[in-house]
Every structure is written in structure tokens, then in C-alpha cells.
Amino acid sequence: MTYESPICNSKNLAGGWSQKDMSPQAQETLDFALNSMVTDAQLTKVLSVHSQVVNGVNYAFEFEMDNSEVYHTIVYRALDGEMSLTQPVELGKICP
């Protein structure tokens, strides 16, 4: 049995994750996550953005750096704009 992250589920369920385009708010949230990384590599491409509306918004990002490595992370952004890493930046894809 293989586990598929609910983030990767293509069905848009109420309260579930949905794929989004990059917005200014999403970019600020990704920048927050990138600032937590200890690397000289630079962001080259955002591969996917997913969000989930809760008491604020959860953002899941998959992105590529200029060293060709792909990373993913999940960041919670509260209604007041405060952010926290729900899942630290990790090497690898979020969705297979």
C-alpha cells in the first residue's frame, strides 16, 4: 500500500488542499521558508503551490534551486500575517 499525501490529491474536497497560482502573498510565504534554508543556492523555479484554508492558510510549495535540487515545505500563515514552518524545507518532491 502506498501513501499519497492529501496535498497531492487532485479532488478538491471542502477544507482540503487545492493547487494555486503564485500570488504576492504566496511569494512572501515562500520567501519566509527560503530564509530558513542554510544554502548558497538560489531559487530558480516554483514547481507547485498548494493551499488549504484553515484559521489562516497552509501553503505547500515545491521548488527548484539553481543547483537543480528540488525541495518542498509547508508554511502556515495566520490571519494576522505571522508565519511558521509546519514542515521544514526538505529535499525531494512533495508529490510523486
PDB file of N, CA and C in Angstrom:
ATOM      1  N   MET A   1       0.849  -1.187   0.000  1.00  0.00           N
ATOM      2  CA  MET A   1       0.000   0.000   0.000  1.00  0.00           C
ATOM      3  C   MET A   1       0.889   1.243   0.000  1.00  0.00           C
ATOM      4  N   THR A   2       0.641   2.152  -0.919  1.00  0.00           N
ATOM      5  CA  THR A   2       1.426   3.384  -0.976  1.00  0.00           C
ATOM      6  C   THR A   2       0.611   4.525  -0.389  1.00  0.00           C
ATOM      7  N   TYR A   3       1.304   5.437   0.252  1.00  0.00           N
ATOM      8  CA  TYR A   3       0.667   6.592   0.868  1.00  0.00           C
ATOM      9  C   TYR A   3       0.792   7.779  -0.069  1.00  0.00           C
ATOM     10  N   GLU A   4      -0.323   8.424  -0.363  1.00  0.00           N
ATOM     11  CA  GLU A   4      -0.294   9.642  -1.160  1.00  0.00           C
ATOM     12  C   GLU A   4      -0.708  10.795  -0.265  1.00  0.00           C
ATOM     13  N   SER A   5       0.096  11.814  -0.244  1.00  0.00           N
ATOM     14  CA  SER A   5      -0.184  12.985   0.570  1.00  0.00           C
ATOM     15  C   SER A   5      -1.517  13.603   0.167  1.00  0.00           C
ATOM     16  N   PRO A   6      -2.317  14.050   1.130  1.00  0.00           N
ATOM     17  CA  PRO A   6      -3.565  14.735   0.777  1.00  0.00           C
ATOM     18  C   PRO A   6      -3.316  15.997  -0.049  1.00  0.00           C
ATOM     19  N   ILE A   7      -2.125  16.534   0.009  1.00  0.00           N
ATOM     20  CA  ILE A   7      -1.774  17.713  -0.786  1.00  0.00           C
ATOM     21  C   ILE A   7      -1.818  17.355  -2.268  1.00  0.00           C
ATOM     22  N   CYS A   8      -1.450  16.132  -2.600  1.00  0.00           N
ATOM     23  CA  CYS A   8      -1.346  15.694  -3.989  1.00  0.00           C
ATOM     24  C   CYS A   8      -2.661  15.187  -4.557  1.00  0.00           C
ATOM     25  N   ASN A   9      -3.665  15.039  -3.741  1.00  0.00           N
ATOM     26  CA  ASN A   9      -4.964  14.542  -4.186  1.00  0.00           C
ATOM     27  C   ASN A   9      -5.576  15.544  -5.148  1.00  0.00           C
ATOM     28  N   SER A  10      -5.949  15.092  -6.327  1.00  0.00           N
ATOM     29  CA  SER A  10      -6.472  16.006  -7.347  1.00  0.00           C
ATOM     30  C   SER A  10      -7.943  16.362  -7.132  1.00  0.00           C
ATOM     31  N   LYS A  11      -8.609  15.694  -6.191  1.00  0.00           N
ATOM     32  CA  LYS A  11     -10.005  16.013  -5.906  1.00  0.00           C
ATOM     33  C   LYS A  11     -10.051  17.221  -4.976  1.00  0.00           C
ATOM     34  N   ASN A  12     -10.789  18.245  -5.345  1.00  0.00           N
ATOM     35  CA  ASN A  12     -10.929  19.415  -4.492  1.00  0.00           C
ATOM     36  C   ASN A  12     -12.021  19.144  -3.468  1.00  0.00           C
ATOM     37  N   LEU A  13     -11.600  18.759  -2.279  1.00  0.00           N
ATOM     38  CA  LEU A  13     -12.531  18.480  -1.200  1.00  0.00           C
ATOM     39  C   LEU A  13     -12.692  19.717  -0.336  1.00  0.00           C
ATOM     40  N   ALA A  14     -13.883  19.913   0.200  1.00  0.00           N
ATOM     41  CA  ALA A  14     -14.111  21.044   1.108  1.00  0.00           C
ATOM     42  C   ALA A  14     -13.126  20.948   2.264  1.00  0.00           C
ATOM     43  N   GLY A  15     -12.406  22.029   2.525  1.00  0.00           N
ATOM     44  CA  GLY A  15     -11.413  22.044   3.590  1.00  0.00           C
ATOM     45  C   GLY A  15     -10.105  21.381   3.208  1.00  0.00           C
ATOM     46  N   GLY A  16     -10.011  20.885   1.975  1.00  0.00           N
ATOM     47  CA  GLY A  16      -8.809  20.188   1.535  1.00  0.00           C
ATOM     48  C   GLY A  16      -7.834  21.124   0.837  1.00  0.00           C
ATOM     49  N   TRP A  17      -6.817  20.531   0.278  1.00  0.00           N
ATOM     50  CA  TRP A  17      -5.778  21.264  -0.439  1.00  0.00           C
ATOM     51  C   TRP A  17      -6.208  21.508  -1.878  1.00  0.00           C
ATOM     52  N   SER A  18      -5.812  22.651  -2.424  1.00  0.00           N
ATOM     53  CA  SER A  18      -6.073  22.925  -3.836  1.00  0.00           C
ATOM     54  C   SER A  18      -4.844  23.589  -4.451  1.00  0.00           C
ATOM     55  N   GLN A  19      -4.631  23.318  -5.732  1.00  0.00           N
ATOM     56  CA  GLN A  19      -3.488  23.895  -6.442  1.00  0.00           C
ATOM     57  C   GLN A  19      -3.789  25.358  -6.731  1.00  0.00           C
ATOM     58  N   LYS A  20      -2.787  26.200  -6.586  1.00  0.00           N
ATOM     59  CA  LYS A  20      -2.937  27.641  -6.768  1.00  0.00           C
ATOM     60  C   LYS A  20      -1.842  28.182  -7.667  1.00  0.00           C
ATOM     61  N   ASP A  21      -2.078  29.393  -8.173  1.00  0.00           N
ATOM     62  CA  ASP A  21      -1.036  30.144  -8.870  1.00  0.00           C
ATOM     63  C   ASP A  21      -0.253  30.924  -7.825  1.00  0.00           C
ATOM     64  N   MET A  22       0.943  31.320  -8.181  1.00  0.00           N
ATOM     65  CA  MET A  22       1.768  32.118  -7.275  1.00  0.00           C
ATOM     66  C   MET A  22       1.172  33.510  -7.160  1.00  0.00           C
ATOM     67  N   SER A  23       0.899  33.941  -5.946  1.00  0.00           N
ATOM     68  CA  SER A  23       0.360  35.273  -5.666  1.00  0.00           C
ATOM     69  C   SER A  23       1.401  36.035  -4.847  1.00  0.00           C
ATOM     70  N   PRO A  24       1.233  37.343  -4.687  1.00  0.00           N
ATOM     71  CA  PRO A  24       2.169  38.091  -3.837  1.00  0.00           C
ATOM     72  C   PRO A  24       2.218  37.534  -2.403  1.00  0.00           C
ATOM     73  N   GLN A  25       1.063  37.138  -1.861  1.00  0.00           N
ATOM     74  CA  GLN A  25       1.033  36.573  -0.504  1.00  0.00           C
ATOM     75  C   GLN A  25       1.767  35.223  -0.458  1.00  0.00           C
ATOM     76  N   ALA A  26       1.561  34.402  -1.484  1.00  0.00           N
ATOM     77  CA  ALA A  26       2.269  33.120  -1.550  1.00  0.00           C
ATOM     78  C   ALA A  26       3.771  33.352  -1.685  1.00  0.00           C
ATOM     79  N   GLN A  27       4.189  34.346  -2.476  1.00  0.00           N
ATOM     80  CA  GLN A  27       5.614  34.641  -2.641  1.00  0.00           C
ATOM     81  C   GLN A  27       6.236  35.056  -1.318  1.00  0.00           C
ATOM     82  N   GLU A  28       5.551  35.904  -0.551  1.00  0.00           N
ATOM     83  CA  GLU A  28       6.058  36.306   0.775  1.00  0.00           C
ATOM     84  C   GLU A  28       6.223  35.091   1.680  1.00  0.00           C
ATOM     85  N   THR A  29       5.261  34.172   1.581  1.00  0.00           N
ATOM     86  CA  THR A  29       5.291  32.973   2.409  1.00  0.00           C
ATOM     87  C   THR A  29       6.446  32.067   1.996  1.00  0.00           C
ATOM     88  N   LEU A  30       6.667  31.895   0.695  1.00  0.00           N
ATOM     89  CA  LEU A  30       7.797  31.101   0.220  1.00  0.00           C
ATOM     90  C   LEU A  30       9.113  31.755   0.628  1.00  0.00           C
ATOM     91  N   ASP A  31       9.203  33.068   0.521  1.00  0.00           N
ATOM     92  CA  ASP A  31      10.422  33.779   0.933  1.00  0.00           C
ATOM     93  C   ASP A  31      10.741  33.497   2.403  1.00  0.00           C
ATOM     94  N   PHE A  32       9.711  33.435   3.242  1.00  0.00           N
ATOM     95  CA  PHE A  32       9.893  33.101   4.653  1.00  0.00           C
ATOM     96  C   PHE A  32      10.561  31.732   4.784  1.00  0.00           C
ATOM     97  N   ALA A  33      10.065  30.756   4.014  1.00  0.00           N
ATOM     98  CA  ALA A  33      10.635  29.405   4.067  1.00  0.00           C
ATOM     99  C   ALA A  33      12.061  29.395   3.532  1.00  0.00           C
ATOM    100  N   LEU A  34      12.305  30.096   2.434  1.00  0.00           N
ATOM    101  CA  LEU A  34      13.650  30.131   1.850  1.00  0.00           C
ATOM    102  C   LEU A  34      14.658  30.734   2.820  1.00  0.00           C
ATOM    103  N   ASN A  35      14.231  31.702   3.604  1.00  0.00           N
ATOM    104  CA  ASN A  35      15.130  32.329   4.577  1.00  0.00           C
ATOM    105  C   ASN A  35      15.546  31.366   5.683  1.00  0.00           C
ATOM    106  N   SER A  36      14.826  30.261   5.852  1.00  0.00           N
ATOM    107  CA  SER A  36      15.183  29.270   6.876  1.00  0.00           C
ATOM    108  C   SER A  36      16.262  28.313   6.379  1.00  0.00           C
ATOM    109  N   MET A  37      16.517  28.316   5.079  1.00  0.00           N
ATOM    110  CA  MET A  37      17.488  27.390   4.490  1.00  0.00           C
ATOM    111  C   MET A  37      18.916  27.892   4.680  1.00  0.00           C
ATOM    112  N   VAL A  38      19.827  26.955   4.925  1.00  0.00           N
ATOM    113  CA  VAL A  38      21.247  27.271   5.011  1.00  0.00           C
ATOM    114  C   VAL A  38      21.879  26.754   3.720  1.00  0.00           C
ATOM    115  N   THR A  39      21.917  27.632   2.718  1.00  0.00           N
ATOM    116  CA  THR A  39      22.451  27.261   1.414  1.00  0.00           C
ATOM    117  C   THR A  39      22.835  28.519   0.645  1.00  0.00           C
ATOM    118  N   ASP A  40      23.755  28.344  -0.290  1.00  0.00           N
ATOM    119  CA  ASP A  40      24.107  29.439  -1.190  1.00  0.00           C
ATOM    120  C   ASP A  40      23.296  29.363  -2.477  1.00  0.00           C
ATOM    121  N   ALA A  41      22.566  28.263  -2.662  1.00  0.00           N
ATOM    122  CA  ALA A  41      21.762  28.082  -3.874  1.00  0.00           C
ATOM    123  C   ALA A  41      20.633  29.103  -3.900  1.00  0.00           C
ATOM    124  N   GLN A  42      20.231  29.463  -5.105  1.00  0.00           N
ATOM    125  CA  GLN A  42      19.168  30.444  -5.305  1.00  0.00           C
ATOM    126  C   GLN A  42      17.956  29.774  -5.958  1.00  0.00           C
ATOM    127  N   LEU A  43      16.794  30.278  -5.644  1.00  0.00           N
ATOM    128  CA  LEU A  43      15.560  29.792  -6.236  1.00  0.00           C
ATOM    129  C   LEU A  43      15.565  30.069  -7.738  1.00  0.00           C
ATOM    130  N   THR A  44      15.242  29.038  -8.527  1.00  0.00           N
ATOM    131  CA  THR A  44      15.126  29.246  -9.973  1.00  0.00           C
ATOM    132  C   THR A  44      13.695  29.088 -10.459  1.00  0.00           C
ATOM    133  N   LYS A  45      12.936  28.171  -9.812  1.00  0.00           N
ATOM    134  CA  LYS A  45      11.597  27.904 -10.332  1.00  0.00           C
ATOM    135  C   LYS A  45      10.699  27.357  -9.224  1.00  0.00           C
ATOM    136  N   VAL A  46       9.472  27.870  -9.166  1.00  0.00           N
ATOM    137  CA  VAL A  46       8.451  27.301  -8.288  1.00  0.00           C
ATOM    138  C   VAL A  46       7.707  26.260  -9.119  1.00  0.00           C
ATOM    139  N   LEU A  47       7.722  25.017  -8.668  1.00  0.00           N
ATOM    140  CA  LEU A  47       7.115  23.919  -9.418  1.00  0.00           C
ATOM    141  C   LEU A  47       5.632  23.767  -9.102  1.00  0.00           C
ATOM    142  N   SER A  48       5.253  23.988  -7.838  1.00  0.00           N
ATOM    143  CA  SER A  48       3.837  23.908  -7.481  1.00  0.00           C
ATOM    144  C   SER A  48       3.563  24.666  -6.199  1.00  0.00           C
ATOM    145  N   VAL A  49       2.343  25.181  -6.133  1.00  0.00           N
ATOM    146  CA  VAL A  49       1.838  25.865  -4.942  1.00  0.00           C
ATOM    147  C   VAL A  49       0.472  25.265  -4.643  1.00  0.00           C
ATOM    148  N   HIS A  50       0.291  24.799  -3.423  1.00  0.00           N
ATOM    149  CA  HIS A  50      -0.999  24.311  -2.963  1.00  0.00           C
ATOM    150  C   HIS A  50      -1.359  25.092  -1.705  1.00  0.00           C
ATOM    151  N   SER A  51      -2.648  25.274  -1.481  1.00  0.00           N
ATOM    152  CA  SER A  51      -3.065  25.948  -0.258  1.00  0.00           C
ATOM    153  C   SER A  51      -4.259  25.239   0.353  1.00  0.00           C
ATOM    154  N   GLN A  52      -4.406  25.454   1.646  1.00  0.00           N
ATOM    155  CA  GLN A  52      -5.521  24.904   2.402  1.00  0.00           C
ATOM    156  C   GLN A  52      -5.968  25.999   3.360  1.00  0.00           C
ATOM    157  N   VAL A  53      -7.234  26.387   3.242  1.00  0.00           N
ATOM    158  CA  VAL A  53      -7.771  27.426   4.128  1.00  0.00           C
ATOM    159  C   VAL A  53      -8.161  26.772   5.444  1.00  0.00           C
ATOM    160  N   VAL A  54      -7.577  27.269   6.507  1.00  0.00           N
ATOM    161  CA  VAL A  54      -7.880  26.840   7.876  1.00  0.00           C
ATOM    162  C   VAL A  54      -8.135  28.125   8.642  1.00  0.00           C
ATOM    163  N   ASN A  55      -7.745  28.229   9.876  1.00  0.00           N
ATOM    164  CA  ASN A  55      -7.803  29.502  10.589  1.00  0.00           C
ATOM    165  C   ASN A  55      -6.551  30.280  10.176  1.00  0.00           C
ATOM    166  N   GLY A  56      -6.518  30.675   8.917  1.00  0.00           N
ATOM    167  CA  GLY A  56      -5.355  31.201   8.224  1.00  0.00           C
ATOM    168  C   GLY A  56      -5.217  30.365   6.958  1.00  0.00           C
ATOM    169  N   VAL A  57      -3.995  30.234   6.448  1.00  0.00           N
ATOM    170  CA  VAL A  57      -3.783  29.444   5.230  1.00  0.00           C
ATOM    171  C   VAL A  57      -2.514  28.611   5.386  1.00  0.00           C
ATOM    172  N   ASN A  58      -2.620  27.327   5.057  1.00  0.00           N
ATOM    173  CA  ASN A  58      -1.448  26.472   4.913  1.00  0.00           C
ATOM    174  C   ASN A  58      -1.018  26.539   3.452  1.00  0.00           C
ATOM    175  N   TYR A  59       0.271  26.729   3.231  1.00  0.00           N
ATOM    176  CA  TYR A  59       0.835  26.728   1.880  1.00  0.00           C
ATOM    177  C   TYR A  59       1.831  25.581   1.772  1.00  0.00           C
ATOM    178  N   ALA A  60       1.722  24.808   0.703  1.00  0.00           N
ATOM    179  CA  ALA A  60       2.698  23.764   0.399  1.00  0.00           C
ATOM    180  C   ALA A  60       3.389  24.158  -0.904  1.00  0.00           C
ATOM    181  N   PHE A  61       4.707  24.215  -0.863  1.00  0.00           N
ATOM    182  CA  PHE A  61       5.488  24.625  -2.026  1.00  0.00           C
ATOM    183  C   PHE A  61       6.430  23.507  -2.449  1.00  0.00           C
ATOM    184  N   GLU A  62       6.619  23.397  -3.747  1.00  0.00           N
ATOM    185  CA  GLU A  62       7.644  22.541  -4.322  1.00  0.00           C
ATOM    186  C   GLU A  62       8.432  23.448  -5.262  1.00  0.00           C
ATOM    187  N   PHE A  63       9.755  23.481  -5.101  1.00  0.00           N
ATOM    188  CA  PHE A  63      10.551  24.436  -5.869  1.00  0.00           C
ATOM    189  C   PHE A  63      11.920  23.871  -6.193  1.00  0.00           C
ATOM    190  N   GLU A  64      12.539  24.475  -7.210  1.00  0.00           N
ATOM    191  CA  GLU A  64      13.861  24.048  -7.670  1.00  0.00           C
ATOM    192  C   GLU A  64      14.861  25.172  -7.450  1.00  0.00           C
ATOM    193  N   MET A  65      16.049  24.776  -7.020  1.00  0.00           N
ATOM    194  CA  MET A  65      17.129  25.728  -6.794  1.00  0.00           C
ATOM    195  C   MET A  65      18.095  25.674  -7.975  1.00  0.00           C
ATOM    196  N   ASP A  66      19.008  26.651  -8.055  1.00  0.00           N
ATOM    197  CA  ASP A  66      19.927  26.721  -9.191  1.00  0.00           C
ATOM    198  C   ASP A  66      20.968  25.597  -9.209  1.00  0.00           C
ATOM    199  N   ASN A  67      21.002  24.759  -8.184  1.00  0.00           N
ATOM    200  CA  ASN A  67      21.873  23.576  -8.186  1.00  0.00           C
ATOM    201  C   ASN A  67      21.097  22.336  -8.667  1.00  0.00           C
ATOM    202  N   SER A  68      19.893  22.562  -9.211  1.00  0.00           N
ATOM    203  CA  SER A  68      18.997  21.530  -9.764  1.00  0.00           C
ATOM    204  C   SER A  68      18.334  20.652  -8.712  1.00  0.00           C
ATOM    205  N   GLU A  69      18.493  20.978  -7.440  1.00  0.00           N
ATOM    206  CA  GLU A  69      17.827  20.211  -6.386  1.00  0.00           C
ATOM    207  C   GLU A  69      16.401  20.717  -6.202  1.00  0.00           C
ATOM    208  N   VAL A  70      15.487  19.774  -5.972  1.00  0.00           N
ATOM    209  CA  VAL A  70      14.078  20.093  -5.749  1.00  0.00           C
ATOM    210  C   VAL A  70      13.784  19.926  -4.259  1.00  0.00           C
ATOM    211  N   TYR A  71      13.086  20.900  -3.696  1.00  0.00           N
ATOM    212  CA  TYR A  71      12.733  20.902  -2.284  1.00  0.00           C
ATOM    213  C   TYR A  71      11.232  21.109  -2.122  1.00  0.00           C
ATOM    214  N   HIS A  72      10.746  20.812  -0.920  1.00  0.00           N
ATOM    215  CA  HIS A  72       9.358  21.108  -0.583  1.00  0.00           C
ATOM    216  C   HIS A  72       9.272  21.553   0.876  1.00  0.00           C
ATOM    217  N   THR A  73       8.194  22.257   1.171  1.00  0.00           N
ATOM    218  CA  THR A  73       7.966  22.743   2.528  1.00  0.00           C
ATOM    219  C   THR A  73       6.489  23.057   2.694  1.00  0.00           C
ATOM    220  N   ILE A  74       6.055  23.171   3.942  1.00  0.00           N
ATOM    221  CA  ILE A  74       4.706  23.629   4.257  1.00  0.00           C
ATOM    222  C   ILE A  74       4.830  24.750   5.273  1.00  0.00           C
ATOM    223  N   VAL A  75       4.161  25.860   4.991  1.00  0.00           N
ATOM    224  CA  VAL A  75       4.196  27.036   5.858  1.00  0.00           C
ATOM    225  C   VAL A  75       2.765  27.413   6.228  1.00  0.00           C
ATOM    226  N   TYR A  76       2.553  27.687   7.514  1.00  0.00           N
ATOM    227  CA  TYR A  76       1.258  28.185   7.978  1.00  0.00           C
ATOM    228  C   TYR A  76       1.346  29.699   8.069  1.00  0.00           C
ATOM    229  N   ARG A  77       0.354  30.377   7.489  1.00  0.00           N
ATOM    230  CA  ARG A  77       0.268  31.841   7.554  1.00  0.00           C
ATOM    231  C   ARG A  77      -1.028  32.196   8.269  1.00  0.00           C
ATOM    232  N   ALA A  78      -0.895  32.765   9.468  1.00  0.00           N
ATOM    233  CA  ALA A  78      -2.052  33.134  10.278  1.00  0.00           C
ATOM    234  C   ALA A  78      -2.775  34.326   9.659  1.00  0.00           C
ATOM    235  N   LEU A  79      -3.982  34.560  10.121  1.00  0.00           N
ATOM    236  CA  LEU A  79      -4.776  35.679   9.609  1.00  0.00           C
ATOM    237  C   LEU A  79      -4.084  37.019   9.827  1.00  0.00           C
ATOM    238  N   ASP A  80      -3.278  37.131  10.893  1.00  0.00           N
ATOM    239  CA  ASP A  80      -2.560  38.378  11.164  1.00  0.00           C
ATOM    240  C   ASP A  80      -1.261  38.496  10.363  1.00  0.00           C
ATOM    241  N   GLY A  81      -0.966  37.472   9.507  1.00  0.00           N
ATOM    242  CA  GLY A  81       0.229  37.507   8.663  1.00  0.00           C
ATOM    243  C   GLY A  81       1.435  36.808   9.255  1.00  0.00           C
ATOM    244  N   GLU A  82       1.367  36.422  10.530  1.00  0.00           N
ATOM    245  CA  GLU A  82       2.500  35.716  11.141  1.00  0.00           C
ATOM    246  C   GLU A  82       2.650  34.340  10.507  1.00  0.00           C
ATOM    247  N   MET A  83       3.908  33.922  10.284  1.00  0.00           N
ATOM    248  CA  MET A  83       4.170  32.661   9.588  1.00  0.00           C
ATOM    249  C   MET A  83       5.004  31.725  10.447  1.00  0.00           C
ATOM    250  N   SER A  84       4.800  30.422  10.215  1.00  0.00           N
ATOM    251  CA  SER A  84       5.610  29.407  10.878  1.00  0.00           C
ATOM    252  C   SER A  84       5.737  28.204   9.948  1.00  0.00           C
ATOM    253  N   LEU A  85       6.883  27.543  10.038  1.00  0.00           N
ATOM    254  CA  LEU A  85       7.116  26.347   9.234  1.00  0.00           C
ATOM    255  C   LEU A  85       6.378  25.179   9.874  1.00  0.00           C
ATOM    256  N   THR A  86       5.427  24.622   9.162  1.00  0.00           N
ATOM    257  CA  THR A  86       4.732  23.425   9.624  1.00  0.00           C
ATOM    258  C   THR A  86       5.585  22.213   9.310  1.00  0.00           C
ATOM    259  N   GLN A  87       6.215  22.247   8.147  1.00  0.00           N
ATOM    260  CA  GLN A  87       7.165  21.212   7.736  1.00  0.00           C
ATOM    261  C   GLN A  87       8.404  21.926   7.224  1.00  0.00           C
ATOM    262  N   PRO A  88       9.544  21.722   7.865  1.00  0.00           N
ATOM    263  CA  PRO A  88      10.759  22.382   7.405  1.00  0.00           C
ATOM    264  C   PRO A  88      11.063  22.058   5.949  1.00  0.00           C
ATOM    265  N   VAL A  89      11.873  22.890   5.316  1.00  0.00           N
ATOM    266  CA  VAL A  89      12.279  22.658   3.938  1.00  0.00           C
ATOM    267  C   VAL A  89      13.030  21.336   3.865  1.00  0.00           C
ATOM    268  N   GLU A  90      12.569  20.453   2.978  1.00  0.00           N
ATOM    269  CA  GLU A  90      13.189  19.139   2.820  1.00  0.00           C
ATOM    270  C   GLU A  90      13.494  18.877   1.358  1.00  0.00           C
ATOM    271  N   LEU A  91      14.558  18.137   1.130  1.00  0.00           N
ATOM    272  CA  LEU A  91      14.939  17.748  -0.224  1.00  0.00           C
ATOM    273  C   LEU A  91      13.936  16.736  -0.761  1.00  0.00           C
ATOM    274  N   GLY A  92      13.539  16.912  -2.006  1.00  0.00           N
ATOM    275  CA  GLY A  92      12.635  15.979  -2.660  1.00  0.00           C
ATOM    276  C   GLY A  92      11.303  16.612  -3.006  1.00  0.00           C
ATOM    277  N   LYS A  93      10.543  15.886  -3.815  1.00  0.00           N
ATOM    278  CA  LYS A  93       9.232  16.365  -4.266  1.00  0.00           C
ATOM    279  C   LYS A  93       8.183  16.117  -3.196  1.00  0.00           C
ATOM    280  N   ILE A  94       7.181  16.965  -3.181  1.00  0.00           N
ATOM    281  CA  ILE A  94       6.076  16.783  -2.244  1.00  0.00           C
ATOM    282  C   ILE A  94       5.066  15.785  -2.816  1.00  0.00           C
ATOM    283  N   CYS A  95       4.940  15.780  -4.146  1.00  0.00           N
ATOM    284  CA  CYS A  95       4.024  14.862  -4.828  1.00  0.00           C
ATOM    285  C   CYS A  95       4.831  14.003  -5.796  1.00  0.00           C
ATOM    286  N   PRO A  96       4.548  12.717  -5.830  1.00  0.00           N
ATOM    287  CA  PRO A  96       5.307  11.838  -6.722  1.00  0.00           C
ATOM    288  C   PRO A  96       5.034  12.128  -8.184  1.00  0.00           C
TER     289      PRO A  96
END
